[in-house]
Amino acid sequence: MKVVVSKEQFEQVRQVEKVLGIKIALASEEQQLRVVDNVNGQWGVYQVVRCYKGVTKYFAELKLIEPAKTEQEAVMKFMAVQQKMAKEGKLKVVVY
């Protein structure tokens, strides 16, 4: 699902890509960028599939990973996913 993002959010994704040395779209599971957001009324944990600049706006393509009913539930699910990956030794980048 495509959403409009701010220039700052776009630049944050670019910074993560520089740290990883690859584009987010090509990242392995442990390097995927995940965010908590409300897109079209659906709270949840989303994976940032890719981020790009249009003519006048910045866009991100998001994929819903863990749906939630409220922001608090989404944050809790995000933290649970992060903790699980950390215990498995798969966590490489964390952006809050």
PDB file of N, CA and C in Angstrom:
ATOM      1  N   MET A   1       0.840  -1.152   0.000  1.00  0.00           N
ATOM      2  CA  MET A   1       0.000   0.000   0.000  1.00  0.00           C
ATOM      3  C   MET A   1       0.900   1.234   0.000  1.00  0.00           C
ATOM      4  N   LYS A   2       0.611   2.183  -0.876  1.00  0.00           N
ATOM      5  CA  LYS A   2       1.442   3.375  -1.028  1.00  0.00           C
ATOM      6  C   LYS A   2       0.895   4.499  -0.158  1.00  0.00           C
ATOM      7  N   VAL A   3       1.795   5.173   0.577  1.00  0.00           N
ATOM      8  CA  VAL A   3       1.414   6.309   1.415  1.00  0.00           C
ATOM      9  C   VAL A   3       2.388   7.462   1.183  1.00  0.00           C
ATOM     10  N   VAL A   4       1.901   8.668   1.395  1.00  0.00           N
ATOM     11  CA  VAL A   4       2.744   9.856   1.316  1.00  0.00           C
ATOM     12  C   VAL A   4       3.476  10.002   2.647  1.00  0.00           C
ATOM     13  N   VAL A   5       4.775  10.270   2.591  1.00  0.00           N
ATOM     14  CA  VAL A   5       5.576  10.458   3.804  1.00  0.00           C
ATOM     15  C   VAL A   5       6.283  11.808   3.736  1.00  0.00           C
ATOM     16  N   SER A   6       6.770  12.245   4.872  1.00  0.00           N
ATOM     17  CA  SER A   6       7.491  13.516   4.924  1.00  0.00           C
ATOM     18  C   SER A   6       8.911  13.333   4.385  1.00  0.00           C
ATOM     19  N   LYS A   7       9.548  14.442   4.082  1.00  0.00           N
ATOM     20  CA  LYS A   7      10.933  14.410   3.618  1.00  0.00           C
ATOM     21  C   LYS A   7      11.825  13.801   4.693  1.00  0.00           C
ATOM     22  N   GLU A   8      11.550  14.122   5.964  1.00  0.00           N
ATOM     23  CA  GLU A   8      12.342  13.595   7.078  1.00  0.00           C
ATOM     24  C   GLU A   8      12.230  12.071   7.156  1.00  0.00           C
ATOM     25  N   GLN A   9      11.012  11.540   6.984  1.00  0.00           N
ATOM     26  CA  GLN A   9      10.820  10.092   7.015  1.00  0.00           C
ATOM     27  C   GLN A   9      11.543   9.431   5.840  1.00  0.00           C
ATOM     28  N   PHE A  10      11.457  10.045   4.676  1.00  0.00           N
ATOM     29  CA  PHE A  10      12.158   9.547   3.494  1.00  0.00           C
ATOM     30  C   PHE A  10      13.663   9.494   3.758  1.00  0.00           C
ATOM     31  N   GLU A  11      14.204  10.551   4.345  1.00  0.00           N
ATOM     32  CA  GLU A  11      15.631  10.612   4.626  1.00  0.00           C
ATOM     33  C   GLU A  11      16.051   9.599   5.687  1.00  0.00           C
ATOM     34  N   GLN A  12      15.157   9.307   6.645  1.00  0.00           N
ATOM     35  CA  GLN A  12      15.453   8.285   7.650  1.00  0.00           C
ATOM     36  C   GLN A  12      15.622   6.922   6.983  1.00  0.00           C
ATOM     37  N   VAL A  13      14.756   6.619   6.043  1.00  0.00           N
ATOM     38  CA  VAL A  13      14.857   5.343   5.326  1.00  0.00           C
ATOM     39  C   VAL A  13      16.170   5.297   4.548  1.00  0.00           C
ATOM     40  N   ARG A  14      16.528   6.388   3.913  1.00  0.00           N
ATOM     41  CA  ARG A  14      17.795   6.446   3.164  1.00  0.00           C
ATOM     42  C   ARG A  14      18.985   6.234   4.100  1.00  0.00           C
ATOM     43  N   GLN A  15      18.915   6.781   5.315  1.00  0.00           N
ATOM     44  CA  GLN A  15      19.982   6.581   6.299  1.00  0.00           C
ATOM     45  C   GLN A  15      20.109   5.107   6.671  1.00  0.00           C
ATOM     46  N   VAL A  16      18.979   4.440   6.886  1.00  0.00           N
ATOM     47  CA  VAL A  16      18.997   3.009   7.212  1.00  0.00           C
ATOM     48  C   VAL A  16      19.619   2.233   6.058  1.00  0.00           C
ATOM     49  N   GLU A  17      19.271   2.590   4.832  1.00  0.00           N
ATOM     50  CA  GLU A  17      19.843   1.915   3.668  1.00  0.00           C
ATOM     51  C   GLU A  17      21.363   2.111   3.608  1.00  0.00           C
ATOM     52  N   LYS A  18      21.835   3.304   3.966  1.00  0.00           N
ATOM     53  CA  LYS A  18      23.278   3.554   3.982  1.00  0.00           C
ATOM     54  C   LYS A  18      23.965   2.687   5.028  1.00  0.00           C
ATOM     55  N   VAL A  19      23.332   2.544   6.200  1.00  0.00           N
ATOM     56  CA  VAL A  19      23.902   1.715   7.267  1.00  0.00           C
ATOM     57  C   VAL A  19      23.963   0.254   6.823  1.00  0.00           C
ATOM     58  N   LEU A  20      22.887  -0.214   6.186  1.00  0.00           N
ATOM     59  CA  LEU A  20      22.834  -1.606   5.741  1.00  0.00           C
ATOM     60  C   LEU A  20      23.710  -1.849   4.519  1.00  0.00           C
ATOM     61  N   GLY A  21      23.883  -0.829   3.704  1.00  0.00           N
ATOM     62  CA  GLY A  21      24.648  -0.981   2.479  1.00  0.00           C
ATOM     63  C   GLY A  21      23.845  -1.554   1.329  1.00  0.00           C
ATOM     64  N   ILE A  22      22.517  -1.680   1.531  1.00  0.00           N
ATOM     65  CA  ILE A  22      21.633  -2.188   0.470  1.00  0.00           C
ATOM     66  C   ILE A  22      20.301  -1.452   0.534  1.00  0.00           C
ATOM     67  N   LYS A  23      19.503  -1.576  -0.505  1.00  0.00           N
ATOM     68  CA  LYS A  23      18.163  -0.999  -0.518  1.00  0.00           C
ATOM     69  C   LYS A  23      17.255  -1.816   0.404  1.00  0.00           C
ATOM     70  N   ILE A  24      16.311  -1.147   1.039  1.00  0.00           N
ATOM     71  CA  ILE A  24      15.355  -1.809   1.944  1.00  0.00           C
ATOM     72  C   ILE A  24      14.634  -2.953   1.228  1.00  0.00           C
ATOM     73  N   ALA A  25      14.295  -2.750  -0.035  1.00  0.00           N
ATOM     74  CA  ALA A  25      13.562  -3.767  -0.792  1.00  0.00           C
ATOM     75  C   ALA A  25      14.348  -5.069  -0.904  1.00  0.00           C
ATOM     76  N   LEU A  26      15.668  -5.012  -0.827  1.00  0.00           N
ATOM     77  CA  LEU A  26      16.514  -6.196  -0.963  1.00  0.00           C
ATOM     78  C   LEU A  26      16.979  -6.762   0.376  1.00  0.00           C
ATOM     79  N   ALA A  27      16.554  -6.144   1.464  1.00  0.00           N
ATOM     80  CA  ALA A  27      17.017  -6.544   2.800  1.00  0.00           C
ATOM     81  C   ALA A  27      16.465  -7.908   3.203  1.00  0.00           C
ATOM     82  N   SER A  28      17.284  -8.640   3.947  1.00  0.00           N
ATOM     83  CA  SER A  28      16.833  -9.925   4.488  1.00  0.00           C
ATOM     84  C   SER A  28      15.867  -9.683   5.639  1.00  0.00           C
ATOM     85  N   GLU A  29      15.259 -10.747   6.144  1.00  0.00           N
ATOM     86  CA  GLU A  29      14.241 -10.614   7.194  1.00  0.00           C
ATOM     87  C   GLU A  29      14.754  -9.851   8.409  1.00  0.00           C
ATOM     88  N   GLU A  30      15.971 -10.140   8.835  1.00  0.00           N
ATOM     89  CA  GLU A  30      16.486  -9.479  10.030  1.00  0.00           C
ATOM     90  C   GLU A  30      16.860  -8.018   9.791  1.00  0.00           C
ATOM     91  N   GLN A  31      16.915  -7.575   8.547  1.00  0.00           N
ATOM     92  CA  GLN A  31      17.269  -6.202   8.234  1.00  0.00           C
ATOM     93  C   GLN A  31      16.071  -5.377   7.762  1.00  0.00           C
ATOM     94  N   GLN A  32      14.893  -5.959   7.762  1.00  0.00           N
ATOM     95  CA  GLN A  32      13.712  -5.242   7.312  1.00  0.00           C
ATOM     96  C   GLN A  32      13.377  -4.095   8.247  1.00  0.00           C
ATOM     97  N   LEU A  33      12.888  -3.017   7.675  1.00  0.00           N
ATOM     98  CA  LEU A  33      12.486  -1.847   8.453  1.00  0.00           C
ATOM     99  C   LEU A  33      10.999  -1.973   8.770  1.00  0.00           C
ATOM    100  N   ARG A  34      10.674  -1.944  10.059  1.00  0.00           N
ATOM    101  CA  ARG A  34       9.278  -2.059  10.499  1.00  0.00           C
ATOM    102  C   ARG A  34       8.873  -0.803  11.254  1.00  0.00           C
ATOM    103  N   VAL A  35       7.615  -0.397  11.086  1.00  0.00           N
ATOM    104  CA  VAL A  35       7.092   0.791  11.758  1.00  0.00           C
ATOM    105  C   VAL A  35       5.686   0.516  12.268  1.00  0.00           C
ATOM    106  N   VAL A  36       5.304   1.246  13.303  1.00  0.00           N
ATOM    107  CA  VAL A  36       3.933   1.213  13.807  1.00  0.00           C
ATOM    108  C   VAL A  36       3.221   2.399  13.171  1.00  0.00           C
ATOM    109  N   ASP A  37       2.075   2.148  12.539  1.00  0.00           N
ATOM    110  CA  ASP A  37       1.380   3.241  11.858  1.00  0.00           C
ATOM    111  C   ASP A  37      -0.101   2.907  11.706  1.00  0.00           C
ATOM    112  N   ASN A  38      -0.859   3.943  11.367  1.00  0.00           N
ATOM    113  CA  ASN A  38      -2.279   3.816  11.062  1.00  0.00           C
ATOM    114  C   ASN A  38      -2.439   4.196   9.593  1.00  0.00           C
ATOM    115  N   VAL A  39      -2.681   3.206   8.757  1.00  0.00           N
ATOM    116  CA  VAL A  39      -2.834   3.436   7.321  1.00  0.00           C
ATOM    117  C   VAL A  39      -4.270   3.089   6.936  1.00  0.00           C
ATOM    118  N   ASN A  40      -4.959   4.079   6.405  1.00  0.00           N
ATOM    119  CA  ASN A  40      -6.364   3.899   5.999  1.00  0.00           C
ATOM    120  C   ASN A  40      -7.224   3.337   7.129  1.00  0.00           C
ATOM    121  N   GLY A  41      -6.977   3.802   8.355  1.00  0.00           N
ATOM    122  CA  GLY A  41      -7.770   3.372   9.502  1.00  0.00           C
ATOM    123  C   GLY A  41      -7.348   2.054  10.113  1.00  0.00           C
ATOM    124  N   GLN A  42      -6.293   1.426   9.625  1.00  0.00           N
ATOM    125  CA  GLN A  42      -5.836   0.134  10.139  1.00  0.00           C
ATOM    126  C   GLN A  42      -4.516   0.300  10.883  1.00  0.00           C
ATOM    127  N   TRP A  43      -4.588   0.181  12.229  1.00  0.00           N
ATOM    128  CA  TRP A  43      -3.368   0.199  13.031  1.00  0.00           C
ATOM    129  C   TRP A  43      -2.644  -1.123  12.856  1.00  0.00           C
ATOM    130  N   GLY A  44      -1.331  -1.069  12.950  1.00  0.00           N
ATOM    131  CA  GLY A  44      -0.580  -2.302  12.885  1.00  0.00           C
ATOM    132  C   GLY A  44       0.904  -2.067  12.744  1.00  0.00           C
ATOM    133  N   VAL A  45       1.623  -3.173  12.632  1.00  0.00           N
ATOM    134  CA  VAL A  45       3.052  -3.148  12.378  1.00  0.00           C
ATOM    135  C   VAL A  45       3.221  -3.341  10.874  1.00  0.00           C
ATOM    136  N   TYR A  46       3.891  -2.387  10.259  1.00  0.00           N
ATOM    137  CA  TYR A  46       4.080  -2.412   8.809  1.00  0.00           C
ATOM    138  C   TYR A  46       5.550  -2.569   8.463  1.00  0.00           C
ATOM    139  N   GLN A  47       5.815  -3.280   7.395  1.00  0.00           N
ATOM    140  CA  GLN A  47       7.164  -3.384   6.851  1.00  0.00           C
ATOM    141  C   GLN A  47       7.293  -2.336   5.751  1.00  0.00           C
ATOM    142  N   VAL A  48       8.375  -1.576   5.769  1.00  0.00           N
ATOM    143  CA  VAL A  48       8.632  -0.618   4.701  1.00  0.00           C
ATOM    144  C   VAL A  48       9.241  -1.405   3.545  1.00  0.00           C
ATOM    145  N   VAL A  49       8.490  -1.531   2.463  1.00  0.00           N
ATOM    146  CA  VAL A  49       8.944  -2.295   1.310  1.00  0.00           C
ATOM    147  C   VAL A  49       9.915  -1.472   0.479  1.00  0.00           C
ATOM    148  N   ARG A  50       9.552  -0.216   0.220  1.00  0.00           N
ATOM    149  CA  ARG A  50      10.463   0.689  -0.484  1.00  0.00           C
ATOM    150  C   ARG A  50      10.012   2.116  -0.256  1.00  0.00           C
ATOM    151  N   CYS A  51      10.902   3.034  -0.513  1.00  0.00           N
ATOM    152  CA  CYS A  51      10.644   4.453  -0.325  1.00  0.00           C
ATOM    153  C   CYS A  51      11.217   5.174  -1.539  1.00  0.00           C
ATOM    154  N   TYR A  52      10.463   6.132  -2.084  1.00  0.00           N
ATOM    155  CA  TYR A  52      10.940   6.828  -3.271  1.00  0.00           C
ATOM    156  C   TYR A  52      10.389   8.239  -3.347  1.00  0.00           C
ATOM    157  N   LYS A  53      11.025   9.037  -4.185  1.00  0.00           N
ATOM    158  CA  LYS A  53      10.656  10.434  -4.357  1.00  0.00           C
ATOM    159  C   LYS A  53       9.877  10.579  -5.655  1.00  0.00           C
ATOM    160  N   GLY A  54       8.706  11.213  -5.570  1.00  0.00           N
ATOM    161  CA  GLY A  54       7.938  11.546  -6.750  1.00  0.00           C
ATOM    162  C   GLY A  54       8.345  12.922  -7.237  1.00  0.00           C
ATOM    163  N   VAL A  55       7.553  13.502  -8.110  1.00  0.00           N
ATOM    164  CA  VAL A  55       7.862  14.828  -8.637  1.00  0.00           C
ATOM    165  C   VAL A  55       7.808  15.882  -7.532  1.00  0.00           C
ATOM    166  N   THR A  56       6.765  15.834  -6.698  1.00  0.00           N
ATOM    167  CA  THR A  56       6.615  16.838  -5.647  1.00  0.00           C
ATOM    168  C   THR A  56       6.455  16.252  -4.248  1.00  0.00           C
ATOM    169  N   LYS A  57       6.310  14.927  -4.131  1.00  0.00           N
ATOM    170  CA  LYS A  57       6.070  14.296  -2.832  1.00  0.00           C
ATOM    171  C   LYS A  57       6.983  13.090  -2.649  1.00  0.00           C
ATOM    172  N   TYR A  58       7.046  12.630  -1.409  1.00  0.00           N
ATOM    173  CA  TYR A  58       7.800  11.431  -1.065  1.00  0.00           C
ATOM    174  C   TYR A  58       6.808  10.329  -0.738  1.00  0.00           C
ATOM    175  N   PHE A  59       7.119   9.094  -1.152  1.00  0.00           N
ATOM    176  CA  PHE A  59       6.210   7.973  -0.959  1.00  0.00           C
ATOM    177  C   PHE A  59       6.922   6.795  -0.309  1.00  0.00           C
ATOM    178  N   ALA A  60       6.128   5.985   0.389  1.00  0.00           N
ATOM    179  CA  ALA A  60       6.619   4.721   0.936  1.00  0.00           C
ATOM    180  C   ALA A  60       5.592   3.653   0.613  1.00  0.00           C
ATOM    181  N   GLU A  61       6.070   2.479   0.287  1.00  0.00           N
ATOM    182  CA  GLU A  61       5.190   1.339   0.102  1.00  0.00           C
ATOM    183  C   GLU A  61       5.300   0.493   1.363  1.00  0.00           C
ATOM    184  N   LEU A  62       4.163   0.254   1.997  1.00  0.00           N
ATOM    185  CA  LEU A  62       4.118  -0.480   3.253  1.00  0.00           C
ATOM    186  C   LEU A  62       3.351  -1.781   3.086  1.00  0.00           C
ATOM    187  N   LYS A  63       3.749  -2.783   3.860  1.00  0.00           N
ATOM    188  CA  LYS A  63       3.071  -4.079   3.869  1.00  0.00           C
ATOM    189  C   LYS A  63       2.672  -4.374   5.312  1.00  0.00           C
ATOM    190  N   LEU A  64       1.396  -4.642   5.546  1.00  0.00           N
ATOM    191  CA  LEU A  64       0.910  -4.934   6.899  1.00  0.00           C
ATOM    192  C   LEU A  64       1.411  -6.304   7.341  1.00  0.00           C
ATOM    193  N   ILE A  65       2.130  -6.315   8.475  1.00  0.00           N
ATOM    194  CA  ILE A  65       2.666  -7.567   9.012  1.00  0.00           C
ATOM    195  C   ILE A  65       1.797  -8.080  10.159  1.00  0.00           C
ATOM    196  N   GLU A  66       1.482  -7.187  11.105  1.00  0.00           N
ATOM    197  CA  GLU A  66       0.690  -7.549  12.288  1.00  0.00           C
ATOM    198  C   GLU A  66      -0.441  -6.534  12.453  1.00  0.00           C
ATOM    199  N   PRO A  67      -1.681  -6.894  12.126  1.00  0.00           N
ATOM    200  CA  PRO A  67      -2.789  -5.947  12.323  1.00  0.00           C
ATOM    201  C   PRO A  67      -3.100  -5.761  13.808  1.00  0.00           C
ATOM    202  N   ALA A  68      -3.609  -4.587  14.150  1.00  0.00           N
ATOM    203  CA  ALA A  68      -3.971  -4.278  15.536  1.00  0.00           C
ATOM    204  C   ALA A  68      -5.214  -3.397  15.532  1.00  0.00           C
ATOM    205  N   LYS A  69      -5.911  -3.376  16.662  1.00  0.00           N
ATOM    206  CA  LYS A  69      -7.126  -2.561  16.782  1.00  0.00           C
ATOM    207  C   LYS A  69      -6.837  -1.162  17.276  1.00  0.00           C
ATOM    208  N   THR A  70      -5.768  -1.011  18.073  1.00  0.00           N
ATOM    209  CA  THR A  70      -5.432   0.296  18.631  1.00  0.00           C
ATOM    210  C   THR A  70      -3.934   0.555  18.487  1.00  0.00           C
ATOM    211  N   GLU A  71      -3.559   1.811  18.713  1.00  0.00           N
ATOM    212  CA  GLU A  71      -2.142   2.162  18.646  1.00  0.00           C
ATOM    213  C   GLU A  71      -1.349   1.409  19.713  1.00  0.00           C
ATOM    214  N   GLN A  72      -1.905   1.306  20.904  1.00  0.00           N
ATOM    215  CA  GLN A  72      -1.214   0.621  21.997  1.00  0.00           C
ATOM    216  C   GLN A  72      -0.975  -0.856  21.656  1.00  0.00           C
ATOM    217  N   GLU A  73      -1.972  -1.491  21.086  1.00  0.00           N
ATOM    218  CA  GLU A  73      -1.827  -2.891  20.694  1.00  0.00           C
ATOM    219  C   GLU A  73      -0.758  -3.038  19.609  1.00  0.00           C
ATOM    220  N   ALA A  74      -0.732  -2.104  18.673  1.00  0.00           N
ATOM    221  CA  ALA A  74       0.264  -2.130  17.599  1.00  0.00           C
ATOM    222  C   ALA A  74       1.677  -1.988  18.164  1.00  0.00           C
ATOM    223  N   VAL A  75       1.849  -1.079  19.122  1.00  0.00           N
ATOM    224  CA  VAL A  75       3.159  -0.888  19.743  1.00  0.00           C
ATOM    225  C   VAL A  75       3.587  -2.156  20.482  1.00  0.00           C
ATOM    226  N   MET A  76       2.662  -2.768  21.184  1.00  0.00           N
ATOM    227  CA  MET A  76       2.976  -4.001  21.915  1.00  0.00           C
ATOM    228  C   MET A  76       3.370  -5.117  20.945  1.00  0.00           C
ATOM    229  N   LYS A  77       2.682  -5.233  19.837  1.00  0.00           N
ATOM    230  CA  LYS A  77       3.022  -6.253  18.841  1.00  0.00           C
ATOM    231  C   LYS A  77       4.389  -5.973  18.225  1.00  0.00           C
ATOM    232  N   PHE A  78       4.674  -4.697  17.979  1.00  0.00           N
ATOM    233  CA  PHE A  78       5.982  -4.305  17.443  1.00  0.00           C
ATOM    234  C   PHE A  78       7.079  -4.726  18.413  1.00  0.00           C
ATOM    235  N   MET A  79       6.900  -4.406  19.682  1.00  0.00           N
ATOM    236  CA  MET A  79       7.897  -4.751  20.690  1.00  0.00           C
ATOM    237  C   MET A  79       8.065  -6.267  20.805  1.00  0.00           C
ATOM    238  N   ALA A  80       6.971  -7.012  20.710  1.00  0.00           N
ATOM    239  CA  ALA A  80       7.044  -8.471  20.788  1.00  0.00           C
ATOM    240  C   ALA A  80       7.843  -9.038  19.618  1.00  0.00           C
ATOM    241  N   VAL A  81       7.617  -8.516  18.428  1.00  0.00           N
ATOM    242  CA  VAL A  81       8.363  -8.966  17.252  1.00  0.00           C
ATOM    243  C   VAL A  81       9.846  -8.646  17.412  1.00  0.00           C
ATOM    244  N   GLN A  82      10.151  -7.431  17.893  1.00  0.00           N
ATOM    245  CA  GLN A  82      11.549  -7.019  18.078  1.00  0.00           C
ATOM    246  C   GLN A  82      12.243  -7.899  19.124  1.00  0.00           C
ATOM    247  N   GLN A  83      11.564  -8.171  20.246  1.00  0.00           N
ATOM    248  CA  GLN A  83      12.153  -9.001  21.295  1.00  0.00           C
ATOM    249  C   GLN A  83      12.398 -10.425  20.811  1.00  0.00           C
ATOM    250  N   LYS A  84      11.445 -10.967  20.052  1.00  0.00           N
ATOM    251  CA  LYS A  84      11.592 -12.320  19.521  1.00  0.00           C
ATOM    252  C   LYS A  84      12.805 -12.392  18.593  1.00  0.00           C
ATOM    253  N   MET A  85      12.947 -11.410  17.722  1.00  0.00           N
ATOM    254  CA  MET A  85      14.070 -11.407  16.794  1.00  0.00           C
ATOM    255  C   MET A  85      15.395 -11.196  17.524  1.00  0.00           C
ATOM    256  N   ALA A  86      15.385 -10.378  18.573  1.00  0.00           N
ATOM    257  CA  ALA A  86      16.598 -10.145  19.354  1.00  0.00           C
ATOM    258  C   ALA A  86      17.049 -11.435  20.043  1.00  0.00           C
ATOM    259  N   LYS A  87      16.102 -12.187  20.584  1.00  0.00           N
ATOM    260  CA  LYS A  87      16.434 -13.447  21.247  1.00  0.00           C
ATOM    261  C   LYS A  87      16.994 -14.462  20.264  1.00  0.00           C
ATOM    262  N   GLU A  88      16.510 -14.408  19.026  1.00  0.00           N
ATOM    263  CA  GLU A  88      16.982 -15.327  17.994  1.00  0.00           C
ATOM    264  C   GLU A  88      18.282 -14.851  17.359  1.00  0.00           C
ATOM    265  N   GLY A  89      18.744 -13.658  17.746  1.00  0.00           N
ATOM    266  CA  GLY A  89      19.976 -13.118  17.182  1.00  0.00           C
ATOM    267  C   GLY A  89      19.811 -12.578  15.779  1.00  0.00           C
ATOM    268  N   LYS A  90      18.595 -12.263  15.392  1.00  0.00           N
ATOM    269  CA  LYS A  90      18.315 -11.797  14.029  1.00  0.00           C
ATOM    270  C   LYS A  90      18.163 -10.293  13.920  1.00  0.00           C
ATOM    271  N   LEU A  91      18.182  -9.584  15.019  1.00  0.00           N
ATOM    272  CA  LEU A  91      17.917  -8.148  15.004  1.00  0.00           C
ATOM    273  C   LEU A  91      19.169  -7.383  14.632  1.00  0.00           C
ATOM    274  N   LYS A  92      19.088  -6.585  13.559  1.00  0.00           N
ATOM    275  CA  LYS A  92      20.241  -5.813  13.092  1.00  0.00           C
ATOM    276  C   LYS A  92      20.036  -4.317  13.253  1.00  0.00           C
ATOM    277  N   VAL A  93      18.842  -3.797  12.922  1.00  0.00           N
ATOM    278  CA  VAL A  93      18.573  -2.358  12.953  1.00  0.00           C
ATOM    279  C   VAL A  93      17.249  -2.131  13.647  1.00  0.00           C
ATOM    280  N   VAL A  94      17.222  -1.191  14.592  1.00  0.00           N
ATOM    281  CA  VAL A  94      15.991  -0.823  15.277  1.00  0.00           C
ATOM    282  C   VAL A  94      15.792   0.673  15.112  1.00  0.00           C
ATOM    283  N   VAL A  95      14.628   1.078  14.602  1.00  0.00           N
ATOM    284  CA  VAL A  95      14.300   2.486  14.443  1.00  0.00           C
ATOM    285  C   VAL A  95      12.977   2.724  15.161  1.00  0.00           C
ATOM    286  N   TYR A  96      12.980   3.629  16.131  1.00  0.00           N
ATOM    287  CA  TYR A  96      11.757   3.935  16.865  1.00  0.00           C
ATOM    288  C   TYR A  96      11.247   5.299  16.452  1.00  0.00           C
TER     289      TYR A  96
END
